[in-house]
Amino acid sequence: MRSRKIQPWQSPRQAGFALLIVLWTMVLLALLTAQVTAAGRAEVQMAAALRLSAQLQAAADGAVYETIWHMLDGGGDMWQPGAAAYNLREPGGVVHVDVIEERGKMDINQVPPGLLTGLFSVLGADNTTANAIANAIGDWRSQSGGGDADDNVPPEYRMDGRMWGPPGQEFERLDELKLVRGMTPQLYEAALPYLTLALEQGPWLQYASPVVLAAIQKAKRIAGLTVDSPDVRGPVVLRLIATAEGAGGARYVRRVLMRFDGTLSGPAWKYRILEWE
């Protein structure tokens, strides 16, 4: 084997050092190449995920509006409100739609505090706490509340560290209940399935859940309250839950609270979206 010829100006140590520099340079270039490749792959995956999310969102929203269209069109018994479920094929995939009847729930802008006291008691709050929160809800929606300006914030709200008070107007969203004095996250989550908006009358007993019926019975015992018979000409309030599922277990859920005015037949219906989540 012939040995490598060392130039007069080059020592063995210098040659080894130069080789080491070349090797480290190659390692650095390999690392940079791997990082650039990984970053590119991550960006491609992120773009694909965003695209899939947009497709699922569009599919869920399309299913909501298709359901509304069928209801307005009087599309037969299948599209009447109630505990109904449909699978609709949209451009982004198949969407499962649940149509939930809200008329068996309590309209937080209409039911008397005594009925809310009954609900909170059934859900586990003691009578004193349930009554205090129910009355706070009544003050919140009362037009005599005085508004929520800084000068009008009640002392009890200030004592809780809140810089707002009852606005003296009806609730516009259910999640405004979180701002009411005394309302806890646990009680809010427990009560939410039994509350609604824009019903403008007491709960319909034929649609009411066992919890709502128990609350009514408790309110009768505590405060002697009664629930008036519903006006069949009144509005219909529904909750639509559209769930679009895609590849890899991806899913997008659209929740819509909406109100129909008019009778349950034909295109004369008018609707209004109350919440879009």
C-alpha atoms as a PDB file:
ATOM      1  CA  MET A   1       0.000   0.000   0.000  1.00  0.00           C
ATOM      2  CA  ARG A   2       1.328   3.391  -0.943  1.00  0.00           C
ATOM      3  CA  SER A   3       1.325   5.962   1.806  1.00  0.00           C
ATOM      4  CA  ARG A   4      -0.225   9.343   1.290  1.00  0.00           C
ATOM      5  CA  LYS A   5       2.342  11.857   0.254  1.00  0.00           C
ATOM      6  CA  ILE A   6       2.618  14.805   2.617  1.00  0.00           C
ATOM      7  CA  GLN A   7       3.445  18.115   1.009  1.00  0.00           C
ATOM      8  CA  PRO A   8       6.391  19.937   2.475  1.00  0.00           C
ATOM      9  CA  TRP A   9       4.182  22.752   3.700  1.00  0.00           C
ATOM     10  CA  GLN A  10       1.588  20.389   5.230  1.00  0.00           C
ATOM     11  CA  SER A  11       2.125  18.562   8.503  1.00  0.00           C
ATOM     12  CA  PRO A  12       0.155  15.385   9.419  1.00  0.00           C
ATOM     13  CA  ARG A  13      -1.661  17.320  12.134  1.00  0.00           C
ATOM     14  CA  GLN A  14      -2.811  19.969   9.658  1.00  0.00           C
ATOM     15  CA  ALA A  15      -4.091  17.306   7.261  1.00  0.00           C
ATOM     16  CA  GLY A  16      -6.111  15.627  10.024  1.00  0.00           C
ATOM     17  CA  PHE A  17      -7.541  18.959  11.119  1.00  0.00           C
ATOM     18  CA  ALA A  18      -8.613  19.765   7.569  1.00  0.00           C
ATOM     19  CA  LEU A  19     -10.300  16.364   7.286  1.00  0.00           C
ATOM     20  CA  LEU A  20     -12.101  16.981  10.570  1.00  0.00           C
ATOM     21  CA  ILE A  21     -13.394  20.332   9.300  1.00  0.00           C
ATOM     22  CA  VAL A  22     -14.686  18.647   6.148  1.00  0.00           C
ATOM     23  CA  LEU A  23     -16.466  15.976   8.206  1.00  0.00           C
ATOM     24  CA  TRP A  24     -18.060  18.522  10.547  1.00  0.00           C
ATOM     25  CA  THR A  25     -19.182  20.578   7.571  1.00  0.00           C
ATOM     26  CA  MET A  26     -20.834  17.523   6.055  1.00  0.00           C
ATOM     27  CA  VAL A  27     -22.573  16.751   9.387  1.00  0.00           C
ATOM     28  CA  LEU A  28     -23.799  20.352   9.674  1.00  0.00           C
ATOM     29  CA  LEU A  29     -25.130  20.296   6.130  1.00  0.00           C
ATOM     30  CA  ALA A  30     -26.901  17.008   6.847  1.00  0.00           C
ATOM     31  CA  LEU A  31     -28.487  18.487   9.977  1.00  0.00           C
ATOM     32  CA  LEU A  32     -29.610  21.605   8.109  1.00  0.00           C
ATOM     33  CA  THR A  33     -31.040  19.468   5.324  1.00  0.00           C
ATOM     34  CA  ALA A  34     -32.927  17.331   7.862  1.00  0.00           C
ATOM     35  CA  GLN A  35     -34.309  20.427   9.602  1.00  0.00           C
ATOM     36  CA  VAL A  36     -35.438  22.010   6.348  1.00  0.00           C
ATOM     37  CA  THR A  37     -37.056  18.736   5.293  1.00  0.00           C
ATOM     38  CA  ALA A  38     -38.786  18.323   8.661  1.00  0.00           C
ATOM     39  CA  ALA A  39     -39.991  21.932   8.619  1.00  0.00           C
ATOM     40  CA  GLY A  40     -41.338  21.498   5.110  1.00  0.00           C
ATOM     41  CA  ARG A  41     -43.063  18.267   6.076  1.00  0.00           C
ATOM     42  CA  ALA A  42     -44.615  19.945   9.153  1.00  0.00           C
ATOM     43  CA  GLU A  43     -45.864  22.852   7.037  1.00  0.00           C
ATOM     44  CA  VAL A  44     -47.379  20.445   4.525  1.00  0.00           C
ATOM     45  CA  GLN A  45     -49.105  18.548   7.334  1.00  0.00           C
ATOM     46  CA  MET A  46     -50.358  21.803   8.875  1.00  0.00           C
ATOM     47  CA  ALA A  47     -51.690  22.984   5.534  1.00  0.00           C
ATOM     48  CA  ALA A  48     -53.462  19.647   5.054  1.00  0.00           C
ATOM     49  CA  ALA A  49     -54.964  19.874   8.546  1.00  0.00           C
ATOM     50  CA  LEU A  50     -56.188  23.430   7.917  1.00  0.00           C
ATOM     51  CA  ARG A  51     -57.656  22.375   4.602  1.00  0.00           C
ATOM     52  CA  LEU A  52     -59.450  19.427   6.224  1.00  0.00           C
ATOM     53  CA  SER A  53     -60.746  21.660   9.020  1.00  0.00           C
ATOM     54  CA  ALA A  54     -62.086  24.165   6.493  1.00  0.00           C
ATOM     55  CA  GLN A  55     -63.763  21.363   4.524  1.00  0.00           C
ATOM     56  CA  LEU A  56     -65.407  19.931   7.649  1.00  0.00           C
ATOM     57  CA  GLN A  57     -66.558  23.366   8.783  1.00  0.00           C
ATOM     58  CA  ALA A  58     -68.071  24.082   5.374  1.00  0.00           C
ATOM     59  CA  ALA A  59     -69.775  20.672   5.396  1.00  0.00           C
ATOM     60  CA  ALA A  60     -71.241  21.228   8.883  1.00  0.00           C
ATOM     61  CA  ASP A  61     -72.487  24.710   7.992  1.00  0.00           C
ATOM     62  CA  GLY A  62     -73.942  23.398   4.747  1.00  0.00           C
ATOM     63  CA  ALA A  63     -75.801  20.679   6.646  1.00  0.00           C
ATOM     64  CA  VAL A  64     -77.266  23.292   9.017  1.00  0.00           C
ATOM     65  CA  TYR A  65     -78.612  25.389   6.156  1.00  0.00           C
ATOM     66  CA  GLU A  66     -79.863  22.325   4.272  1.00  0.00           C
ATOM     67  CA  THR A  67     -81.817  21.282   7.371  1.00  0.00           C
ATOM     68  CA  ILE A  68     -83.289  24.773   7.675  1.00  0.00           C
ATOM     69  CA  TRP A  69     -84.234  24.732   3.997  1.00  0.00           C
ATOM     70  CA  HIS A  70     -86.052  21.400   4.326  1.00  0.00           C
ATOM     71  CA  MET A  71     -87.960  22.658   7.356  1.00  0.00           C
ATOM     72  CA  LEU A  72     -88.975  25.874   5.635  1.00  0.00           C
ATOM     73  CA  ASP A  73     -90.014  23.861   2.601  1.00  0.00           C
ATOM     74  CA  GLY A  74     -92.278  21.680   4.712  1.00  0.00           C
ATOM     75  CA  GLY A  75     -90.309  18.584   3.790  1.00  0.00           C
ATOM     76  CA  GLY A  76     -92.637  16.058   5.389  1.00  0.00           C
ATOM     77  CA  ASP A  77     -92.687  14.464   8.813  1.00  0.00           C
ATOM     78  CA  MET A  78     -89.008  13.614   8.575  1.00  0.00           C
ATOM     79  CA  TRP A  79     -88.067  17.284   8.901  1.00  0.00           C
ATOM     80  CA  GLN A  80     -90.399  18.258  11.713  1.00  0.00           C
ATOM     81  CA  PRO A  81     -88.742  19.438  14.931  1.00  0.00           C
ATOM     82  CA  GLY A  82     -88.160  17.033  17.752  1.00  0.00           C
ATOM     83  CA  ALA A  83     -85.625  14.459  18.809  1.00  0.00           C
ATOM     84  CA  ALA A  84     -84.641  13.786  15.201  1.00  0.00           C
ATOM     85  CA  ALA A  85     -81.328  12.881  13.576  1.00  0.00           C
ATOM     86  CA  TYR A  86     -80.208  12.889   9.958  1.00  0.00           C
ATOM     87  CA  ASN A  87     -77.126  11.961   7.951  1.00  0.00           C
ATOM     88  CA  LEU A  88     -76.632  14.486   5.163  1.00  0.00           C
ATOM     89  CA  ARG A  89     -74.073  14.136   2.371  1.00  0.00           C
ATOM     90  CA  GLU A  90     -72.305  17.452   1.841  1.00  0.00           C
ATOM     91  CA  PRO A  91     -69.372  18.308  -0.474  1.00  0.00           C
ATOM     92  CA  GLY A  92     -66.982  17.926   2.470  1.00  0.00           C
ATOM     93  CA  GLY A  93     -68.340  14.563   3.590  1.00  0.00           C
ATOM     94  CA  VAL A  94     -71.223  13.035   5.499  1.00  0.00           C
ATOM     95  CA  VAL A  95     -72.578  15.154   8.353  1.00  0.00           C
ATOM     96  CA  HIS A  96     -74.688  13.863  11.243  1.00  0.00           C
ATOM     97  CA  VAL A  97     -77.344  16.388  12.278  1.00  0.00           C
ATOM     98  CA  ASP A  98     -79.298  16.259  15.539  1.00  0.00           C
ATOM     99  CA  VAL A  99     -82.402  18.442  15.822  1.00  0.00           C
ATOM    100  CA  ILE A 100     -83.291  18.995  19.474  1.00  0.00           C
ATOM    101  CA  GLU A 101     -86.617  20.374  20.642  1.00  0.00           C
ATOM    102  CA  GLU A 102     -86.170  23.317  23.009  1.00  0.00           C
ATOM    103  CA  ARG A 103     -89.802  23.932  23.944  1.00  0.00           C
ATOM    104  CA  GLY A 104     -89.535  21.641  26.946  1.00  0.00           C
ATOM    105  CA  LYS A 105     -86.878  23.879  28.459  1.00  0.00           C
ATOM    106  CA  MET A 106     -87.053  27.035  30.564  1.00  0.00           C
ATOM    107  CA  ASP A 107     -86.695  30.406  28.854  1.00  0.00           C
ATOM    108  CA  ILE A 108     -84.387  32.339  31.190  1.00  0.00           C
ATOM    109  CA  ASN A 109     -86.028  35.602  30.123  1.00  0.00           C
ATOM    110  CA  GLN A 110     -89.564  34.414  30.917  1.00  0.00           C
ATOM    111  CA  VAL A 111     -89.805  31.863  33.722  1.00  0.00           C
ATOM    112  CA  PRO A 112     -90.327  33.263  37.233  1.00  0.00           C
ATOM    113  CA  PRO A 113     -87.452  33.077  39.745  1.00  0.00           C
ATOM    114  CA  GLY A 114     -89.390  30.468  41.724  1.00  0.00           C
ATOM    115  CA  LEU A 115     -89.187  28.034  38.835  1.00  0.00           C
ATOM    116  CA  LEU A 116     -85.447  28.649  38.483  1.00  0.00           C
ATOM    117  CA  THR A 117     -85.110  28.051  42.223  1.00  0.00           C
ATOM    118  CA  GLY A 118     -86.765  24.684  41.717  1.00  0.00           C
ATOM    119  CA  LEU A 119     -84.357  23.828  38.879  1.00  0.00           C
ATOM    120  CA  PHE A 120     -81.215  24.770  40.784  1.00  0.00           C
ATOM    121  CA  SER A 121     -82.457  22.861  43.834  1.00  0.00           C
ATOM    122  CA  VAL A 122     -83.088  19.732  41.785  1.00  0.00           C
ATOM    123  CA  LEU A 123     -79.557  20.066  40.391  1.00  0.00           C
ATOM    124  CA  GLY A 124     -78.055  19.983  43.870  1.00  0.00           C
ATOM    125  CA  ALA A 125     -77.923  23.574  45.138  1.00  0.00           C
ATOM    126  CA  ASP A 126     -79.268  24.199  48.638  1.00  0.00           C
ATOM    127  CA  ASN A 127     -82.489  26.192  48.839  1.00  0.00           C
ATOM    128  CA  THR A 128     -80.788  29.410  50.020  1.00  0.00           C
ATOM    129  CA  THR A 129     -78.219  29.374  47.215  1.00  0.00           C
ATOM    130  CA  ALA A 130     -80.781  28.354  44.591  1.00  0.00           C
ATOM    131  CA  ASN A 131     -83.129  31.153  45.636  1.00  0.00           C
ATOM    132  CA  ALA A 132     -80.346  33.769  45.673  1.00  0.00           C
ATOM    133  CA  ILE A 133     -79.152  32.874  42.159  1.00  0.00           C
ATOM    134  CA  ALA A 134     -82.700  32.752  40.807  1.00  0.00           C
ATOM    135  CA  ASN A 135     -83.427  36.207  42.213  1.00  0.00           C
ATOM    136  CA  ALA A 136     -80.128  37.497  40.798  1.00  0.00           C
ATOM    137  CA  ILE A 137     -81.248  36.271  37.360  1.00  0.00           C
ATOM    138  CA  GLY A 138     -84.552  38.086  37.836  1.00  0.00           C
ATOM    139  CA  ASP A 139     -82.674  41.294  38.731  1.00  0.00           C
ATOM    140  CA  TRP A 140     -80.380  40.864  35.742  1.00  0.00           C
ATOM    141  CA  ARG A 141     -83.213  40.838  33.213  1.00  0.00           C
ATOM    142  CA  SER A 142     -85.425  43.377  35.024  1.00  0.00           C
ATOM    143  CA  GLN A 143     -85.712  46.747  33.310  1.00  0.00           C
ATOM    144  CA  SER A 144     -85.624  48.374  36.740  1.00  0.00           C
ATOM    145  CA  GLY A 145     -82.100  47.038  37.266  1.00  0.00           C
ATOM    146  CA  GLY A 146     -80.567  50.448  36.581  1.00  0.00           C
ATOM    147  CA  GLY A 147     -77.961  49.326  34.054  1.00  0.00           C
ATOM    148  CA  ASP A 148     -74.391  48.194  34.479  1.00  0.00           C
ATOM    149  CA  ALA A 149     -72.590  51.528  34.496  1.00  0.00           C
ATOM    150  CA  ASP A 150     -69.825  51.878  37.071  1.00  0.00           C
ATOM    151  CA  ASP A 151     -71.915  54.154  39.289  1.00  0.00           C
ATOM    152  CA  ASN A 152     -74.785  51.651  39.320  1.00  0.00           C
ATOM    153  CA  VAL A 153     -72.889  48.459  40.149  1.00  0.00           C
ATOM    154  CA  PRO A 154     -74.580  47.049  43.268  1.00  0.00           C
ATOM    155  CA  PRO A 155     -72.390  46.705  46.383  1.00  0.00           C
ATOM    156  CA  GLU A 156     -72.813  42.929  46.465  1.00  0.00           C
ATOM    157  CA  TYR A 157     -71.315  42.706  42.966  1.00  0.00           C
ATOM    158  CA  ARG A 158     -68.422  44.972  43.984  1.00  0.00           C
ATOM    159  CA  MET A 159     -67.780  42.805  47.034  1.00  0.00           C
ATOM    160  CA  ASP A 160     -67.312  39.849  44.686  1.00  0.00           C
ATOM    161  CA  GLY A 161     -64.760  41.826  42.688  1.00  0.00           C
ATOM    162  CA  ARG A 162     -67.131  42.344  39.751  1.00  0.00           C
ATOM    163  CA  MET A 163     -67.136  45.664  37.929  1.00  0.00           C
ATOM    164  CA  TRP A 164     -70.524  45.040  36.357  1.00  0.00           C
ATOM    165  CA  GLY A 165     -74.047  44.639  37.599  1.00  0.00           C
ATOM    166  CA  PRO A 166     -77.459  43.679  36.235  1.00  0.00           C
ATOM    167  CA  PRO A 167     -77.815  45.462  32.864  1.00  0.00           C
ATOM    168  CA  GLY A 168     -81.585  45.758  33.173  1.00  0.00           C
ATOM    169  CA  GLN A 169     -82.277  43.918  29.920  1.00  0.00           C
ATOM    170  CA  GLU A 170     -82.993  40.398  28.755  1.00  0.00           C
ATOM    171  CA  PHE A 171     -80.307  37.804  28.250  1.00  0.00           C
ATOM    172  CA  GLU A 172     -79.047  37.708  24.688  1.00  0.00           C
ATOM    173  CA  ARG A 173     -76.953  34.553  25.113  1.00  0.00           C
ATOM    174  CA  LEU A 174     -77.136  31.675  27.533  1.00  0.00           C
ATOM    175  CA  ASP A 175     -73.497  32.058  28.520  1.00  0.00           C
ATOM    176  CA  GLU A 176     -74.321  35.459  30.037  1.00  0.00           C
ATOM    177  CA  LEU A 177     -75.534  33.430  32.997  1.00  0.00           C
ATOM    178  CA  LYS A 178     -71.878  33.011  33.960  1.00  0.00           C
ATOM    179  CA  LEU A 179     -71.821  36.729  34.831  1.00  0.00           C
ATOM    180  CA  VAL A 180     -74.721  36.538  37.269  1.00  0.00           C
ATOM    181  CA  ARG A 181     -73.732  36.860  40.898  1.00  0.00           C
ATOM    182  CA  GLY A 182     -73.569  33.493  42.670  1.00  0.00           C
ATOM    183  CA  MET A 183     -73.524  31.387  39.508  1.00  0.00           C
ATOM    184  CA  THR A 184     -70.757  28.787  39.632  1.00  0.00           C
ATOM    185  CA  PRO A 185     -69.240  27.000  36.616  1.00  0.00           C
ATOM    186  CA  GLN A 186     -70.514  23.675  37.963  1.00  0.00           C
ATOM    187  CA  LEU A 187     -74.119  24.860  38.372  1.00  0.00           C
ATOM    188  CA  TYR A 188     -74.025  26.609  34.999  1.00  0.00           C
ATOM    189  CA  GLU A 189     -72.915  23.446  33.198  1.00  0.00           C
ATOM    190  CA  ALA A 190     -75.517  21.382  35.069  1.00  0.00           C
ATOM    191  CA  ALA A 191     -78.370  23.792  34.275  1.00  0.00           C
ATOM    192  CA  LEU A 192     -77.465  24.586  30.663  1.00  0.00           C
ATOM    193  CA  PRO A 193     -79.210  21.532  29.091  1.00  0.00           C
ATOM    194  CA  TYR A 194     -82.530  22.669  30.601  1.00  0.00           C
ATOM    195  CA  LEU A 195     -82.433  26.364  29.653  1.00  0.00           C
ATOM    196  CA  THR A 196     -83.175  28.162  26.415  1.00  0.00           C
ATOM    197  CA  LEU A 197     -83.883  31.581  24.880  1.00  0.00           C
ATOM    198  CA  ALA A 198     -86.664  33.250  22.912  1.00  0.00           C
ATOM    199  CA  LEU A 199     -89.366  30.733  23.789  1.00  0.00           C
ATOM    200  CA  GLU A 200     -91.419  33.555  25.328  1.00  0.00           C
ATOM    201  CA  GLN A 201     -93.483  31.201  27.496  1.00  0.00           C
ATOM    202  CA  GLY A 202     -93.182  28.459  30.049  1.00  0.00           C
ATOM    203  CA  PRO A 203     -91.877  24.989  29.186  1.00  0.00           C
ATOM    204  CA  TRP A 204     -94.148  22.654  27.242  1.00  0.00           C
ATOM    205  CA  LEU A 205     -94.774  19.727  29.546  1.00  0.00           C
ATOM    206  CA  GLN A 206     -95.024  17.191  26.694  1.00  0.00           C
ATOM    207  CA  TYR A 207     -91.435  18.040  25.693  1.00  0.00           C
ATOM    208  CA  ALA A 208     -90.020  18.550  29.187  1.00  0.00           C
ATOM    209  CA  SER A 209     -87.287  16.313  30.547  1.00  0.00           C
ATOM    210  CA  PRO A 210     -87.611  14.552  33.929  1.00  0.00           C
ATOM    211  CA  VAL A 211     -85.351  17.213  35.462  1.00  0.00           C
ATOM    212  CA  VAL A 212     -87.592  20.057  34.287  1.00  0.00           C
ATOM    213  CA  LEU A 213     -90.715  18.231  35.456  1.00  0.00           C
ATOM    214  CA  ALA A 214     -89.100  17.674  38.866  1.00  0.00           C
ATOM    215  CA  ALA A 215     -88.187  21.369  39.029  1.00  0.00           C
ATOM    216  CA  ILE A 216     -91.789  22.335  38.288  1.00  0.00           C
ATOM    217  CA  GLN A 217     -93.057  20.044  41.026  1.00  0.00           C
ATOM    218  CA  LYS A 218     -90.560  21.479  43.489  1.00  0.00           C
ATOM    219  CA  ALA A 219     -91.523  25.039  42.533  1.00  0.00           C
ATOM    220  CA  LYS A 220     -95.160  24.158  43.164  1.00  0.00           C
ATOM    221  CA  ARG A 221     -94.303  22.921  46.656  1.00  0.00           C
ATOM    222  CA  ILE A 222     -92.001  25.834  47.524  1.00  0.00           C
ATOM    223  CA  ALA A 223     -93.793  28.788  45.985  1.00  0.00           C
ATOM    224  CA  GLY A 224     -97.113  27.428  44.752  1.00  0.00           C
ATOM    225  CA  LEU A 225     -96.166  28.224  41.158  1.00  0.00           C
ATOM    226  CA  THR A 226     -98.030  26.821  38.183  1.00  0.00           C
ATOM    227  CA  VAL A 227     -97.058  26.611  34.520  1.00  0.00           C
ATOM    228  CA  ASP A 228     -99.529  28.066  32.039  1.00  0.00           C
ATOM    229  CA  SER A 229    -100.628  26.040  29.058  1.00  0.00           C
ATOM    230  CA  PRO A 230     -98.439  26.881  26.043  1.00  0.00           C
ATOM    231  CA  ASP A 231     -99.697  28.880  23.110  1.00  0.00           C
ATOM    232  CA  VAL A 232     -99.501  26.566  20.093  1.00  0.00           C
ATOM    233  CA  ARG A 233     -99.166  29.627  17.878  1.00  0.00           C
ATOM    234  CA  GLY A 234     -96.007  30.647  19.674  1.00  0.00           C
ATOM    235  CA  PRO A 235     -92.471  30.323  18.344  1.00  0.00           C
ATOM    236  CA  VAL A 236     -90.594  27.067  17.956  1.00  0.00           C
ATOM    237  CA  VAL A 237     -87.047  27.035  19.302  1.00  0.00           C
ATOM    238  CA  LEU A 238     -84.671  24.319  18.125  1.00  0.00           C
ATOM    239  CA  ARG A 239     -81.034  23.426  18.626  1.00  0.00           C
ATOM    240  CA  LEU A 240     -79.188  21.960  15.646  1.00  0.00           C
ATOM    241  CA  ILE A 241     -75.944  20.079  16.212  1.00  0.00           C
ATOM    242  CA  ALA A 242     -74.094  19.247  12.994  1.00  0.00           C
ATOM    243  CA  THR A 243     -71.099  16.921  13.345  1.00  0.00           C
ATOM    244  CA  ALA A 244     -68.827  16.503  10.322  1.00  0.00           C
ATOM    245  CA  GLU A 245     -66.176  13.773  10.484  1.00  0.00           C
ATOM    246  CA  GLY A 246     -63.128  13.386   8.291  1.00  0.00           C
ATOM    247  CA  ALA A 247     -60.001  11.313   7.832  1.00  0.00           C
ATOM    248  CA  GLY A 248     -57.940  10.375  10.857  1.00  0.00           C
ATOM    249  CA  GLY A 249     -60.789  10.938  13.299  1.00  0.00           C
ATOM    250  CA  ALA A 250     -60.962  14.685  12.605  1.00  0.00           C
ATOM    251  CA  ARG A 251     -64.315  16.251  13.394  1.00  0.00           C
ATOM    252  CA  TYR A 252     -65.982  19.635  13.415  1.00  0.00           C
ATOM    253  CA  VAL A 253     -69.127  20.398  15.411  1.00  0.00           C
ATOM    254  CA  ARG A 254     -71.444  23.319  14.684  1.00  0.00           C
ATOM    255  CA  ARG A 255     -74.087  24.153  17.322  1.00  0.00           C
ATOM    256  CA  VAL A 256     -76.918  26.479  16.380  1.00  0.00           C
ATOM    257  CA  LEU A 257     -79.807  27.742  18.485  1.00  0.00           C
ATOM    258  CA  MET A 258     -82.593  29.017  16.277  1.00  0.00           C
ATOM    259  CA  ARG A 259     -86.164  30.203  16.441  1.00  0.00           C
ATOM    260  CA  PHE A 260     -88.968  29.643  13.957  1.00  0.00           C
ATOM    261  CA  ASP A 261     -91.972  31.977  13.970  1.00  0.00           C
ATOM    262  CA  GLY A 262     -95.276  30.844  12.559  1.00  0.00           C
ATOM    263  CA  THR A 263     -96.967  27.501  12.181  1.00  0.00           C
ATOM    264  CA  LEU A 264     -95.172  24.237  11.570  1.00  0.00           C
ATOM    265  CA  SER A 265     -96.156  23.963   7.932  1.00  0.00           C
ATOM    266  CA  GLY A 266     -95.054  25.322   4.607  1.00  0.00           C
ATOM    267  CA  PRO A 267     -92.610  28.007   3.527  1.00  0.00           C
ATOM    268  CA  ALA A 268     -94.336  30.731   5.572  1.00  0.00           C
ATOM    269  CA  TRP A 269     -91.912  30.008   8.413  1.00  0.00           C
ATOM    270  CA  LYS A 270     -89.502  32.738   9.368  1.00  0.00           C
ATOM    271  CA  TYR A 271     -86.401  31.878  11.303  1.00  0.00           C
ATOM    272  CA  ARG A 272     -83.797  33.681  13.336  1.00  0.00           C
ATOM    273  CA  ILE A 273     -80.437  32.314  14.494  1.00  0.00           C
ATOM    274  CA  LEU A 274     -79.969  33.054  18.190  1.00  0.00           C
ATOM    275  CA  GLU A 275     -76.589  31.449  18.812  1.00  0.00           C
ATOM    276  CA  TRP A 276     -73.943  30.203  16.399  1.00  0.00           C
ATOM    277  CA  GLU A 277     -71.133  28.253  18.048  1.00  0.00           C
END
